[in-house]
Amino acid sequence: MSTAQRDAGIDFTDIPRAVLSIAAEVVHTVERAVVGDARVRTARGNAWEAVCADRARAHQRDEIRRIVSALAATRIDTPAREPVS
């Protein structure tokens, strides 16, 4: 068998790839038509959304730490109770 005969056949892995490629393009086109170009989700938009979410979580953590430290600073120390016999 020569390599030329084997390459002359149809590669069946190309068909699913082509179908997936066309389907992805159709979904992308429909998304742009329905949502609009300005609101299409992109990698850059997803990354910025993740950065904003991280900042919000960090802000919430800082706020909780501030509240806990304020509560700890104003805590009234009560004397230890003696066990009841």
PDB file of N, CA and C in Angstrom:
ATOM      1  N   MET A   1       0.838  -1.192   0.000  1.00  0.00           N
ATOM      2  CA  MET A   1       0.000   0.000   0.000  1.00  0.00           C
ATOM      3  C   MET A   1       0.871   1.238   0.000  1.00  0.00           C
ATOM      4  N   SER A   2       0.516   2.131  -0.817  1.00  0.00           N
ATOM      5  CA  SER A   2       1.282   3.370  -0.854  1.00  0.00           C
ATOM      6  C   SER A   2       0.537   4.455  -0.076  1.00  0.00           C
ATOM      7  N   THR A   3       1.262   5.484   0.264  1.00  0.00           N
ATOM      8  CA  THR A   3       0.683   6.591   1.022  1.00  0.00           C
ATOM      9  C   THR A   3      -0.337   7.339   0.180  1.00  0.00           C
ATOM     10  N   ALA A   4      -0.143   7.394  -1.111  1.00  0.00           N
ATOM     11  CA  ALA A   4      -1.062   8.119  -1.994  1.00  0.00           C
ATOM     12  C   ALA A   4      -2.453   7.494  -1.978  1.00  0.00           C
ATOM     13  N   GLN A   5      -2.514   6.180  -1.932  1.00  0.00           N
ATOM     14  CA  GLN A   5      -3.826   5.524  -1.903  1.00  0.00           C
ATOM     15  C   GLN A   5      -4.546   5.786  -0.583  1.00  0.00           C
ATOM     16  N   ARG A   6      -3.814   5.801   0.507  1.00  0.00           N
ATOM     17  CA  ARG A   6      -4.435   6.027   1.803  1.00  0.00           C
ATOM     18  C   ARG A   6      -4.916   7.472   1.938  1.00  0.00           C
ATOM     19  N   ASP A   7      -4.183   8.435   1.406  1.00  0.00           N
ATOM     20  CA  ASP A   7      -4.566   9.838   1.473  1.00  0.00           C
ATOM     21  C   ASP A   7      -5.694  10.189   0.516  1.00  0.00           C
ATOM     22  N   ALA A   8      -5.950   9.351  -0.464  1.00  0.00           N
ATOM     23  CA  ALA A   8      -6.978   9.645  -1.456  1.00  0.00           C
ATOM     24  C   ALA A   8      -8.384   9.495  -0.879  1.00  0.00           C
ATOM     25  N   GLY A   9      -8.557   8.744   0.200  1.00  0.00           N
ATOM     26  CA  GLY A   9      -9.875   8.523   0.804  1.00  0.00           C
ATOM     27  C   GLY A   9     -10.344   9.733   1.597  1.00  0.00           C
ATOM     28  N   ILE A  10     -11.590   9.660   2.017  1.00  0.00           N
ATOM     29  CA  ILE A  10     -12.179  10.733   2.809  1.00  0.00           C
ATOM     30  C   ILE A  10     -11.812  10.510   4.268  1.00  0.00           C
ATOM     31  N   ASP A  11     -11.376  11.560   4.913  1.00  0.00           N
ATOM     32  CA  ASP A  11     -11.076  11.483   6.340  1.00  0.00           C
ATOM     33  C   ASP A  11     -12.361  11.786   7.101  1.00  0.00           C
ATOM     34  N   PHE A  12     -12.873  10.792   7.796  1.00  0.00           N
ATOM     35  CA  PHE A  12     -14.154  10.931   8.472  1.00  0.00           C
ATOM     36  C   PHE A  12     -14.101  11.858   9.680  1.00  0.00           C
ATOM     37  N   THR A  13     -12.909  12.201  10.151  1.00  0.00           N
ATOM     38  CA  THR A  13     -12.819  13.155  11.255  1.00  0.00           C
ATOM     39  C   THR A  13     -13.031  14.588  10.785  1.00  0.00           C
ATOM     40  N   ASP A  14     -12.908  14.819   9.487  1.00  0.00           N
ATOM     41  CA  ASP A  14     -13.124  16.161   8.955  1.00  0.00           C
ATOM     42  C   ASP A  14     -14.604  16.540   8.954  1.00  0.00           C
ATOM     43  N   ILE A  15     -15.477  15.574   8.812  1.00  0.00           N
ATOM     44  CA  ILE A  15     -16.913  15.862   8.737  1.00  0.00           C
ATOM     45  C   ILE A  15     -17.436  16.434  10.055  1.00  0.00           C
ATOM     46  N   PRO A  16     -17.197  15.797  11.216  1.00  0.00           N
ATOM     47  CA  PRO A  16     -17.675  16.392  12.475  1.00  0.00           C
ATOM     48  C   PRO A  16     -17.046  17.750  12.765  1.00  0.00           C
ATOM     49  N   ARG A  17     -15.785  17.907  12.400  1.00  0.00           N
ATOM     50  CA  ARG A  17     -15.126  19.203  12.600  1.00  0.00           C
ATOM     51  C   ARG A  17     -15.810  20.286  11.774  1.00  0.00           C
ATOM     52  N   ALA A  18     -16.133  19.962  10.542  1.00  0.00           N
ATOM     53  CA  ALA A  18     -16.802  20.936   9.677  1.00  0.00           C
ATOM     54  C   ALA A  18     -18.189  21.273  10.209  1.00  0.00           C
ATOM     55  N   VAL A  19     -18.919  20.261  10.668  1.00  0.00           N
ATOM     56  CA  VAL A  19     -20.259  20.491  11.211  1.00  0.00           C
ATOM     57  C   VAL A  19     -20.181  21.363  12.459  1.00  0.00           C
ATOM     58  N   LEU A  20     -19.230  21.059  13.360  1.00  0.00           N
ATOM     59  CA  LEU A  20     -19.072  21.863  14.570  1.00  0.00           C
ATOM     60  C   LEU A  20     -18.668  23.294  14.244  1.00  0.00           C
ATOM     61  N   SER A  21     -17.817  23.452  13.267  1.00  0.00           N
ATOM     62  CA  SER A  21     -17.384  24.788  12.868  1.00  0.00           C
ATOM     63  C   SER A  21     -18.550  25.607  12.338  1.00  0.00           C
ATOM     64  N   ILE A  22     -19.352  24.988  11.498  1.00  0.00           N
ATOM     65  CA  ILE A  22     -20.525  25.680  10.943  1.00  0.00           C
ATOM     66  C   ILE A  22     -21.533  25.989  12.053  1.00  0.00           C
ATOM     67  N   ALA A  23     -21.756  25.036  12.951  1.00  0.00           N
ATOM     68  CA  ALA A  23     -22.703  25.255  14.056  1.00  0.00           C
ATOM     69  C   ALA A  23     -22.241  26.399  14.951  1.00  0.00           C
ATOM     70  N   ALA A  24     -20.952  26.455  15.254  1.00  0.00           N
ATOM     71  CA  ALA A  24     -20.429  27.542  16.084  1.00  0.00           C
ATOM     72  C   ALA A  24     -20.604  28.883  15.389  1.00  0.00           C
ATOM     73  N   GLU A  25     -20.386  28.910  14.102  1.00  0.00           N
ATOM     74  CA  GLU A  25     -20.551  30.154  13.347  1.00  0.00           C
ATOM     75  C   GLU A  25     -22.018  30.586  13.326  1.00  0.00           C
ATOM     76  N   VAL A  26     -22.929  29.633  13.183  1.00  0.00           N
ATOM     77  CA  VAL A  26     -24.363  29.947  13.188  1.00  0.00           C
ATOM     78  C   VAL A  26     -24.777  30.495  14.553  1.00  0.00           C
ATOM     79  N   VAL A  27     -24.323  29.851  15.626  1.00  0.00           N
ATOM     80  CA  VAL A  27     -24.655  30.325  16.976  1.00  0.00           C
ATOM     81  C   VAL A  27     -24.108  31.732  17.183  1.00  0.00           C
ATOM     82  N   HIS A  28     -22.903  31.976  16.759  1.00  0.00           N
ATOM     83  CA  HIS A  28     -22.296  33.304  16.890  1.00  0.00           C
ATOM     84  C   HIS A  28     -23.097  34.353  16.124  1.00  0.00           C
ATOM     85  N   THR A  29     -23.498  34.023  14.915  1.00  0.00           N
ATOM     86  CA  THR A  29     -24.281  34.951  14.093  1.00  0.00           C
ATOM     87  C   THR A  29     -25.644  35.222  14.720  1.00  0.00           C
ATOM     88  N   VAL A  30     -26.303  34.178  15.210  1.00  0.00           N
ATOM     89  CA  VAL A  30     -27.616  34.348  15.845  1.00  0.00           C
ATOM     90  C   VAL A  30     -27.478  35.182  17.112  1.00  0.00           C
ATOM     91  N   GLU A  31     -26.432  34.933  17.899  1.00  0.00           N
ATOM     92  CA  GLU A  31     -26.229  35.718  19.119  1.00  0.00           C
ATOM     93  C   GLU A  31     -26.067  37.194  18.791  1.00  0.00           C
ATOM     94  N   ARG A  32     -25.284  37.495  17.783  1.00  0.00           N
ATOM     95  CA  ARG A  32     -25.100  38.898  17.389  1.00  0.00           C
ATOM     96  C   ARG A  32     -26.409  39.517  16.913  1.00  0.00           C
ATOM     97  N   ALA A  33     -27.216  38.743  16.209  1.00  0.00           N
ATOM     98  CA  ALA A  33     -28.483  39.269  15.695  1.00  0.00           C
ATOM     99  C   ALA A  33     -29.483  39.497  16.823  1.00  0.00           C
ATOM    100  N   VAL A  34     -29.526  38.583  17.788  1.00  0.00           N
ATOM    101  CA  VAL A  34     -30.515  38.685  18.863  1.00  0.00           C
ATOM    102  C   VAL A  34     -30.082  39.682  19.927  1.00  0.00           C
ATOM    103  N   VAL A  35     -28.838  39.578  20.376  1.00  0.00           N
ATOM    104  CA  VAL A  35     -28.370  40.379  21.497  1.00  0.00           C
ATOM    105  C   VAL A  35     -27.830  41.724  21.031  1.00  0.00           C
ATOM    106  N   GLY A  36     -27.214  41.751  19.907  1.00  0.00           N
ATOM    107  CA  GLY A  36     -26.591  42.970  19.411  1.00  0.00           C
ATOM    108  C   GLY A  36     -25.084  42.900  19.582  1.00  0.00           C
ATOM    109  N   ASP A  37     -24.376  43.596  18.712  1.00  0.00           N
ATOM    110  CA  ASP A  37     -22.912  43.542  18.729  1.00  0.00           C
ATOM    111  C   ASP A  37     -22.324  44.051  20.040  1.00  0.00           C
ATOM    112  N   ALA A  38     -22.949  45.045  20.643  1.00  0.00           N
ATOM    113  CA  ALA A  38     -22.395  45.635  21.857  1.00  0.00           C
ATOM    114  C   ALA A  38     -22.524  44.714  23.062  1.00  0.00           C
ATOM    115  N   ARG A  39     -23.461  43.780  23.036  1.00  0.00           N
ATOM    116  CA  ARG A  39     -23.707  42.942  24.205  1.00  0.00           C
ATOM    117  C   ARG A  39     -23.246  41.499  24.035  1.00  0.00           C
ATOM    118  N   VAL A  40     -22.538  41.202  22.979  1.00  0.00           N
ATOM    119  CA  VAL A  40     -22.021  39.842  22.759  1.00  0.00           C
ATOM    120  C   VAL A  40     -20.902  39.591  23.758  1.00  0.00           C
ATOM    121  N   ARG A  41     -20.961  38.445  24.432  1.00  0.00           N
ATOM    122  CA  ARG A  41     -19.938  38.110  25.422  1.00  0.00           C
ATOM    123  C   ARG A  41     -18.637  37.750  24.706  1.00  0.00           C
ATOM    124  N   THR A  42     -17.568  38.317  25.208  1.00  0.00           N
ATOM    125  CA  THR A  42     -16.249  38.053  24.648  1.00  0.00           C
ATOM    126  C   THR A  42     -15.317  37.619  25.777  1.00  0.00           C
ATOM    127  N   ALA A  43     -14.153  37.132  25.408  1.00  0.00           N
ATOM    128  CA  ALA A  43     -13.168  36.743  26.413  1.00  0.00           C
ATOM    129  C   ALA A  43     -12.743  37.961  27.232  1.00  0.00           C
ATOM    130  N   ARG A  44     -12.602  39.088  26.572  1.00  0.00           N
ATOM    131  CA  ARG A  44     -12.217  40.311  27.281  1.00  0.00           C
ATOM    132  C   ARG A  44     -13.311  40.719  28.266  1.00  0.00           C
ATOM    133  N   GLY A  45     -14.552  40.639  27.836  1.00  0.00           N
ATOM    134  CA  GLY A  45     -15.665  40.971  28.724  1.00  0.00           C
ATOM    135  C   GLY A  45     -15.763  40.021  29.896  1.00  0.00           C
ATOM    136  N   ASN A  46     -15.563  38.729  29.635  1.00  0.00           N
ATOM    137  CA  ASN A  46     -15.583  37.735  30.708  1.00  0.00           C
ATOM    138  C   ASN A  46     -14.455  37.991  31.700  1.00  0.00           C
ATOM    139  N   ALA A  47     -13.273  38.331  31.199  1.00  0.00           N
ATOM    140  CA  ALA A  47     -12.131  38.596  32.073  1.00  0.00           C
ATOM    141  C   ALA A  47     -12.396  39.824  32.937  1.00  0.00           C
ATOM    142  N   TRP A  48     -12.942  40.873  32.347  1.00  0.00           N
ATOM    143  CA  TRP A  48     -13.236  42.089  33.113  1.00  0.00           C
ATOM    144  C   TRP A  48     -14.299  41.804  34.178  1.00  0.00           C
ATOM    145  N   GLU A  49     -15.289  41.012  33.832  1.00  0.00           N
ATOM    146  CA  GLU A  49     -16.323  40.640  34.798  1.00  0.00           C
ATOM    147  C   GLU A  49     -15.713  39.861  35.961  1.00  0.00           C
ATOM    148  N   ALA A  50     -14.765  38.985  35.677  1.00  0.00           N
ATOM    149  CA  ALA A  50     -14.086  38.230  36.732  1.00  0.00           C
ATOM    150  C   ALA A  50     -13.258  39.150  37.620  1.00  0.00           C
ATOM    151  N   VAL A  51     -12.582  40.127  37.021  1.00  0.00           N
ATOM    152  CA  VAL A  51     -11.793  41.092  37.801  1.00  0.00           C
ATOM    153  C   VAL A  51     -12.709  41.885  38.728  1.00  0.00           C
ATOM    154  N   CYS A  52     -13.837  42.326  38.207  1.00  0.00           N
ATOM    155  CA  CYS A  52     -14.783  43.094  39.032  1.00  0.00           C
ATOM    156  C   CYS A  52     -15.335  42.236  40.168  1.00  0.00           C
ATOM    157  N   ALA A  53     -15.627  40.979  39.898  1.00  0.00           N
ATOM    158  CA  ALA A  53     -16.129  40.082  40.941  1.00  0.00           C
ATOM    159  C   ALA A  53     -15.056  39.850  42.008  1.00  0.00           C
ATOM    160  N   ASP A  54     -13.796  39.694  41.601  1.00  0.00           N
ATOM    161  CA  ASP A  54     -12.707  39.531  42.565  1.00  0.00           C
ATOM    162  C   ASP A  54     -12.560  40.770  43.436  1.00  0.00           C
ATOM    163  N   ARG A  55     -12.659  41.935  42.833  1.00  0.00           N
ATOM    164  CA  ARG A  55     -12.565  43.179  43.605  1.00  0.00           C
ATOM    165  C   ARG A  55     -13.714  43.298  44.601  1.00  0.00           C
ATOM    166  N   ALA A  56     -14.909  42.922  44.178  1.00  0.00           N
ATOM    167  CA  ALA A  56     -16.064  42.987  45.075  1.00  0.00           C
ATOM    168  C   ALA A  56     -15.884  42.028  46.250  1.00  0.00           C
ATOM    169  N   ARG A  57     -15.400  40.806  45.984  1.00  0.00           N
ATOM    170  CA  ARG A  57     -15.160  39.856  47.068  1.00  0.00           C
ATOM    171  C   ARG A  57     -14.081  40.364  48.016  1.00  0.00           C
ATOM    172  N   ALA A  58     -13.015  40.952  47.484  1.00  0.00           N
ATOM    173  CA  ALA A  58     -11.953  41.490  48.328  1.00  0.00           C
ATOM    174  C   ALA A  58     -12.490  42.629  49.195  1.00  0.00           C
ATOM    175  N   HIS A  59     -13.332  43.461  48.621  1.00  0.00           N
ATOM    176  CA  HIS A  59     -13.934  44.562  49.379  1.00  0.00           C
ATOM    177  C   HIS A  59     -14.808  44.020  50.513  1.00  0.00           C
ATOM    178  N   GLN A  60     -15.589  42.981  50.224  1.00  0.00           N
ATOM    179  CA  GLN A  60     -16.431  42.375  51.257  1.00  0.00           C
ATOM    180  C   GLN A  60     -15.587  41.751  52.361  1.00  0.00           C
ATOM    181  N   ARG A  61     -14.485  41.076  51.987  1.00  0.00           N
ATOM    182  CA  ARG A  61     -13.597  40.498  53.001  1.00  0.00           C
ATOM    183  C   ARG A  61     -13.003  41.580  53.886  1.00  0.00           C
ATOM    184  N   ASP A  62     -12.549  42.677  53.273  1.00  0.00           N
ATOM    185  CA  ASP A  62     -11.984  43.786  54.044  1.00  0.00           C
ATOM    186  C   ASP A  62     -13.020  44.384  54.994  1.00  0.00           C
ATOM    187  N   GLU A  63     -14.240  44.508  54.514  1.00  0.00           N
ATOM    188  CA  GLU A  63     -15.310  45.064  55.347  1.00  0.00           C
ATOM    189  C   GLU A  63     -15.597  44.150  56.537  1.00  0.00           C
ATOM    190  N   ILE A  64     -15.640  42.838  56.305  1.00  0.00           N
ATOM    191  CA  ILE A  64     -15.862  41.877  57.392  1.00  0.00           C
ATOM    192  C   ILE A  64     -14.714  41.936  58.394  1.00  0.00           C
ATOM    193  N   ARG A  65     -13.475  42.002  57.906  1.00  0.00           N
ATOM    194  CA  ARG A  65     -12.320  42.101  58.812  1.00  0.00           C
ATOM    195  C   ARG A  65     -12.385  43.370  59.650  1.00  0.00           C
ATOM    196  N   ARG A  66     -12.795  44.473  59.022  1.00  0.00           N
ATOM    197  CA  ARG A  66     -12.901  45.745  59.745  1.00  0.00           C
ATOM    198  C   ARG A  66     -13.958  45.635  60.836  1.00  0.00           C
ATOM    199  N   ILE A  67     -15.090  45.043  60.513  1.00  0.00           N
ATOM    200  CA  ILE A  67     -16.169  44.891  61.499  1.00  0.00           C
ATOM    201  C   ILE A  67     -15.728  43.986  62.644  1.00  0.00           C
ATOM    202  N   VAL A  68     -15.080  42.862  62.313  1.00  0.00           N
ATOM    203  CA  VAL A  68     -14.627  41.933  63.350  1.00  0.00           C
ATOM    204  C   VAL A  68     -13.595  42.601  64.244  1.00  0.00           C
ATOM    205  N   SER A  69     -12.659  43.341  63.670  1.00  0.00           N
ATOM    206  CA  SER A  69     -11.645  43.997  64.500  1.00  0.00           C
ATOM    207  C   SER A  69     -12.271  45.085  65.366  1.00  0.00           C
ATOM    208  N   ALA A  70     -13.271  45.779  64.853  1.00  0.00           N
ATOM    209  CA  ALA A  70     -13.959  46.789  65.661  1.00  0.00           C
ATOM    210  C   ALA A  70     -14.713  46.124  66.807  1.00  0.00           C
ATOM    211  N   LEU A  71     -15.351  45.000  66.535  1.00  0.00           N
ATOM    212  CA  LEU A  71     -16.048  44.277  67.602  1.00  0.00           C
ATOM    213  C   LEU A  71     -15.069  43.743  68.639  1.00  0.00           C
ATOM    214  N   ALA A  72     -13.941  43.250  68.195  1.00  0.00           N
ATOM    215  CA  ALA A  72     -12.940  42.723  69.122  1.00  0.00           C
ATOM    216  C   ALA A  72     -12.356  43.836  69.982  1.00  0.00           C
ATOM    217  N   ALA A  73     -12.190  45.020  69.410  1.00  0.00           N
ATOM    218  CA  ALA A  73     -11.628  46.142  70.158  1.00  0.00           C
ATOM    219  C   ALA A  73     -12.605  46.663  71.211  1.00  0.00           C
ATOM    220  N   THR A  74     -13.884  46.576  70.950  1.00  0.00           N
ATOM    221  CA  THR A  74     -14.875  47.106  71.891  1.00  0.00           C
ATOM    222  C   THR A  74     -15.458  46.030  72.792  1.00  0.00           C
ATOM    223  N   ARG A  75     -14.953  44.827  72.708  1.00  0.00           N
ATOM    224  CA  ARG A  75     -15.477  43.731  73.517  1.00  0.00           C
ATOM    225  C   ARG A  75     -15.239  44.009  74.996  1.00  0.00           C
ATOM    226  N   ILE A  76     -16.243  43.766  75.767  1.00  0.00           N
ATOM    227  CA  ILE A  76     -16.133  43.965  77.209  1.00  0.00           C
ATOM    228  C   ILE A  76     -15.709  42.639  77.821  1.00  0.00           C
ATOM    229  N   ASP A  77     -14.607  42.665  78.517  1.00  0.00           N
ATOM    230  CA  ASP A  77     -14.145  41.449  79.170  1.00  0.00           C
ATOM    231  C   ASP A  77     -14.952  41.228  80.434  1.00  0.00           C
ATOM    232  N   THR A  78     -15.608  40.115  80.499  1.00  0.00           N
ATOM    233  CA  THR A  78     -16.370  39.762  81.698  1.00  0.00           C
ATOM    234  C   THR A  78     -15.563  38.781  82.513  1.00  0.00           C
ATOM    235  N   PRO A  79     -15.647  38.884  83.836  1.00  0.00           N
ATOM    236  CA  PRO A  79     -14.877  37.947  84.654  1.00  0.00           C
ATOM    237  C   PRO A  79     -15.389  36.528  84.469  1.00  0.00           C
ATOM    238  N   ALA A  80     -14.492  35.595  84.617  1.00  0.00           N
ATOM    239  CA  ALA A  80     -14.865  34.183  84.466  1.00  0.00           C
ATOM    240  C   ALA A  80     -15.780  33.787  85.617  1.00  0.00           C
ATOM    241  N   ARG A  81     -16.802  33.045  85.341  1.00  0.00           N
ATOM    242  CA  ARG A  81     -17.722  32.594  86.360  1.00  0.00           C
ATOM    243  C   ARG A  81     -17.153  31.360  87.059  1.00  0.00           C
ATOM    244  N   GLU A  82     -17.426  31.285  88.318  1.00  0.00           N
ATOM    245  CA  GLU A  82     -16.999  30.106  89.055  1.00  0.00           C
ATOM    246  C   GLU A  82     -18.011  29.007  88.840  1.00  0.00           C
ATOM    247  N   PRO A  83     -17.555  27.780  88.745  1.00  0.00           N
ATOM    248  CA  PRO A  83     -18.507  26.685  88.538  1.00  0.00           C
ATOM    249  C   PRO A  83     -19.429  26.538  89.752  1.00  0.00           C
ATOM    250  N   VAL A  84     -20.660  26.206  89.464  1.00  0.00           N
ATOM    251  CA  VAL A  84     -21.653  26.017  90.518  1.00  0.00           C
ATOM    252  C   VAL A  84     -21.539  24.606  91.029  1.00  0.00           C
ATOM    253  N   SER A  85     -21.447  24.463  92.387  1.00  0.00           N
ATOM    254  CA  SER A  85     -21.313  23.128  92.969  1.00  0.00           C
ATOM    255  C   SER A  85     -22.654  22.535  93.271  1.00  0.00           C
TER     256      SER A  85
END
